Amino acid sequence: MTENVDEGDIAADYLEALLDIADMDGDIEIETDSRRTTLVVGEAGDDSLTPLSDPETVSALQELTRLAVQAKTGEFSRVVLDVAGSRDARTKELESMVARALSDIEGGAEQVALTPMSSYERKLVHDLVADAGLVSESEGEGRERHAVVKPAEG
């Protein structure tokens, strides 16, 4: 657990420096569990952080933060970033994506490929799909890696 705290502190210091460069304010909270460290920057609806809260920007900042942590610790980092409620907003988008895919499967589609997304987002999708009684798997490489939803076998 000490490792996660150190990881969180390193990530928070890095993000704080980036916010200073961008002349933006945002309180940073560090949340840890046994699997990953999440940094929450600002509160949901914080308009001053809007330029940083779109999914592509959050993903890029998250990757930069992970690289900064890895450079300091020498170990793989699982840091997750949430900027002004972006994580909840993205979860709702993924839920809608999965609902559309489930509808397509119920309509007879053999499978539905979703848009490329991060490993964290694919994990959420796999969980949502499993909860709905269907199956999914990840396909593609690198930035093109995505989830594919399929009917349950049997």
Protein backbone atom coordinates (compact mmCIF):
# COMPACT_ATOMS: atom_id res chain seq x y z
CA MET A 1 0.00 0.00 0.00
CA THR A 2 2.94 2.35 0.62
CA GLU A 3 3.84 1.89 -3.05
CA ASN A 4 0.38 3.19 -4.08
CA VAL A 5 0.73 6.20 -1.76
CA ASP A 6 4.14 7.02 -3.27
CA GLU A 7 2.70 6.52 -6.76
CA GLY A 8 -0.18 8.86 -5.90
CA ASP A 9 2.11 11.52 -4.47
CA ILE A 10 4.39 11.41 -7.52
CA ALA A 11 1.39 11.60 -9.86
CA ALA A 12 -0.20 14.45 -7.88
CA ASP A 13 3.06 16.45 -7.92
CA TYR A 14 3.34 15.93 -11.68
CA LEU A 15 -0.27 17.01 -12.30
CA GLU A 16 0.11 20.00 -10.00
CA ALA A 17 3.11 21.16 -12.03
CA LEU A 18 1.12 20.76 -15.27
CA LEU A 19 -1.80 22.73 -13.84
CA ASP A 20 0.62 25.49 -12.78
CA ILE A 21 2.08 25.64 -16.30
CA ALA A 22 -1.45 25.89 -17.74
CA ASP A 23 -2.31 28.52 -15.08
CA MET A 24 -5.26 26.40 -13.89
CA ASP A 25 -6.41 25.58 -10.39
CA GLY A 26 -7.78 22.29 -9.21
CA ASP A 27 -7.61 20.44 -5.94
CA ILE A 28 -6.14 16.95 -6.34
CA GLU A 29 -7.39 14.06 -4.25
CA ILE A 30 -5.62 10.71 -4.20
CA GLU A 31 -7.79 7.59 -3.91
CA THR A 32 -6.14 4.19 -3.65
CA ASP A 33 -7.36 0.64 -3.59
CA SER A 34 -5.58 -2.68 -3.94
CA ARG A 35 -5.47 -2.43 -7.75
CA ARG A 36 -4.86 1.18 -8.72
CA THR A 37 -4.42 4.77 -7.70
CA THR A 38 -7.00 7.32 -8.89
CA LEU A 39 -6.30 11.04 -8.95
CA VAL A 40 -9.39 13.22 -8.86
CA VAL A 41 -8.67 16.73 -10.14
CA GLY A 42 -11.35 19.29 -9.27
CA GLU A 43 -15.01 18.58 -8.81
CA ALA A 44 -17.66 17.54 -11.32
CA GLY A 45 -18.86 20.55 -13.25
CA ASP A 46 -15.77 22.67 -12.47
CA ASP A 47 -15.90 24.94 -15.55
CA SER A 48 -12.33 26.13 -15.08
CA LEU A 49 -11.14 22.59 -15.90
CA THR A 50 -13.39 22.08 -18.95
CA PRO A 51 -10.47 22.32 -21.42
CA LEU A 52 -8.87 19.33 -19.67
CA SER A 53 -11.95 17.18 -19.11
CA ASP A 54 -12.77 15.82 -22.58
CA PRO A 55 -12.01 12.08 -22.94
CA GLU A 56 -9.05 12.41 -25.34
CA THR A 57 -7.35 15.04 -23.18
CA VAL A 58 -7.92 13.06 -19.98
CA SER A 59 -6.51 9.96 -21.68
CA ALA A 60 -3.41 11.88 -22.84
CA LEU A 61 -2.88 13.43 -19.39
CA GLN A 62 -3.35 10.04 -17.77
CA GLU A 63 -0.73 8.49 -20.06
CA LEU A 64 1.73 11.33 -19.40
CA THR A 65 1.15 10.98 -15.67
CA ARG A 66 1.69 7.22 -15.83
CA LEU A 67 4.95 7.74 -17.72
CA ALA A 68 6.12 10.31 -15.17
CA VAL A 69 5.38 7.89 -12.31
CA GLN A 70 7.12 5.04 -14.11
CA ALA A 71 10.16 7.22 -14.74
CA LYS A 72 10.43 7.95 -11.00
CA THR A 73 9.60 4.48 -9.65
CA GLY A 74 10.91 2.24 -12.42
CA GLU A 75 7.69 0.23 -12.15
CA PHE A 76 4.51 -0.05 -14.22
CA SER A 77 1.85 2.41 -13.08
CA ARG A 78 -1.93 1.94 -13.05
CA VAL A 79 -2.78 5.57 -12.30
CA VAL A 80 -6.29 6.57 -13.35
CA LEU A 81 -7.18 10.23 -13.82
CA ASP A 82 -10.55 11.90 -13.27
CA VAL A 83 -10.74 15.58 -14.26
CA ALA A 84 -13.84 17.53 -13.19
CA GLY A 85 -16.06 14.45 -13.19
CA SER A 86 -14.78 13.16 -16.53
CA ARG A 87 -14.66 9.59 -15.24
CA ASP A 88 -18.38 9.48 -14.41
CA ALA A 89 -19.23 11.22 -17.68
CA ARG A 90 -17.15 8.69 -19.64
CA THR A 91 -18.72 5.79 -17.73
CA LYS A 92 -22.16 7.04 -18.81
CA GLU A 93 -20.95 7.25 -22.43
CA LEU A 94 -19.65 3.67 -22.22
CA GLU A 95 -22.95 2.51 -20.71
CA SER A 96 -24.79 4.08 -23.68
CA MET A 97 -22.35 2.46 -26.13
CA VAL A 98 -22.90 -0.94 -24.53
CA ALA A 99 -26.70 -0.46 -24.51
CA ARG A 100 -26.63 0.30 -28.27
CA ALA A 101 -24.42 -2.75 -28.87
CA LEU A 102 -26.78 -4.96 -26.84
CA SER A 103 -29.71 -3.67 -28.87
CA ASP A 104 -27.85 -4.45 -32.11
CA ILE A 105 -27.10 -7.99 -30.86
CA GLU A 106 -30.76 -8.47 -29.90
CA GLY A 107 -31.61 -7.25 -33.41
CA GLY A 108 -29.55 -10.06 -34.93
CA ALA A 109 -26.03 -8.65 -35.23
CA GLU A 110 -23.38 -11.37 -34.86
CA GLN A 111 -21.03 -8.94 -33.10
CA VAL A 112 -20.55 -5.23 -32.50
CA ALA A 113 -17.12 -3.60 -32.46
CA LEU A 114 -16.88 -0.53 -30.25
CA THR A 115 -14.54 2.41 -30.75
CA PRO A 116 -10.92 2.17 -29.55
CA MET A 117 -10.52 2.85 -25.83
CA SER A 118 -8.10 2.52 -22.94
CA SER A 119 -7.59 -0.73 -21.03
CA TYR A 120 -9.45 0.76 -18.07
CA GLU A 121 -12.44 1.63 -20.29
CA ARG A 122 -12.38 -1.82 -21.95
CA LYS A 123 -12.49 -3.39 -18.48
CA LEU A 124 -15.59 -1.33 -17.66
CA VAL A 125 -17.17 -2.40 -20.96
CA HIS A 126 -16.38 -6.08 -20.34
CA ASP A 127 -18.02 -5.81 -16.90
CA LEU A 128 -21.11 -4.05 -18.29
CA VAL A 129 -21.46 -6.63 -21.07
CA ALA A 130 -21.05 -9.55 -18.64
CA ASP A 131 -23.68 -8.03 -16.34
CA ALA A 132 -26.07 -8.01 -19.31
CA GLY A 133 -25.45 -11.71 -19.94
CA LEU A 134 -23.38 -11.33 -23.11
CA VAL A 135 -19.68 -11.76 -23.83
CA SER A 136 -16.98 -9.41 -25.07
CA GLU A 137 -13.33 -9.53 -25.91
CA SER A 138 -10.62 -7.06 -26.80
CA GLU A 139 -9.22 -6.93 -30.31
CA GLY A 140 -6.67 -4.81 -32.14
CA GLU A 141 -3.29 -3.46 -31.20
CA GLY A 142 -2.06 -0.29 -29.52
CA ARG A 143 -4.26 2.76 -29.98
CA GLU A 144 -6.72 0.73 -32.08
CA ARG A 145 -7.47 -1.79 -29.30
CA HIS A 146 -11.23 -2.01 -28.75
CA ALA A 147 -13.94 -4.21 -27.29
CA VAL A 148 -16.15 -6.45 -29.40
CA VAL A 149 -19.54 -7.46 -28.01
CA LYS A 150 -20.98 -10.86 -28.95
CA PRO A 151 -24.03 -12.94 -27.99
CA ALA A 152 -23.53 -15.39 -25.15
CA GLU A 153 -22.73 -18.89 -26.38
CA GLY A 154 -25.09 -21.66 -25.53
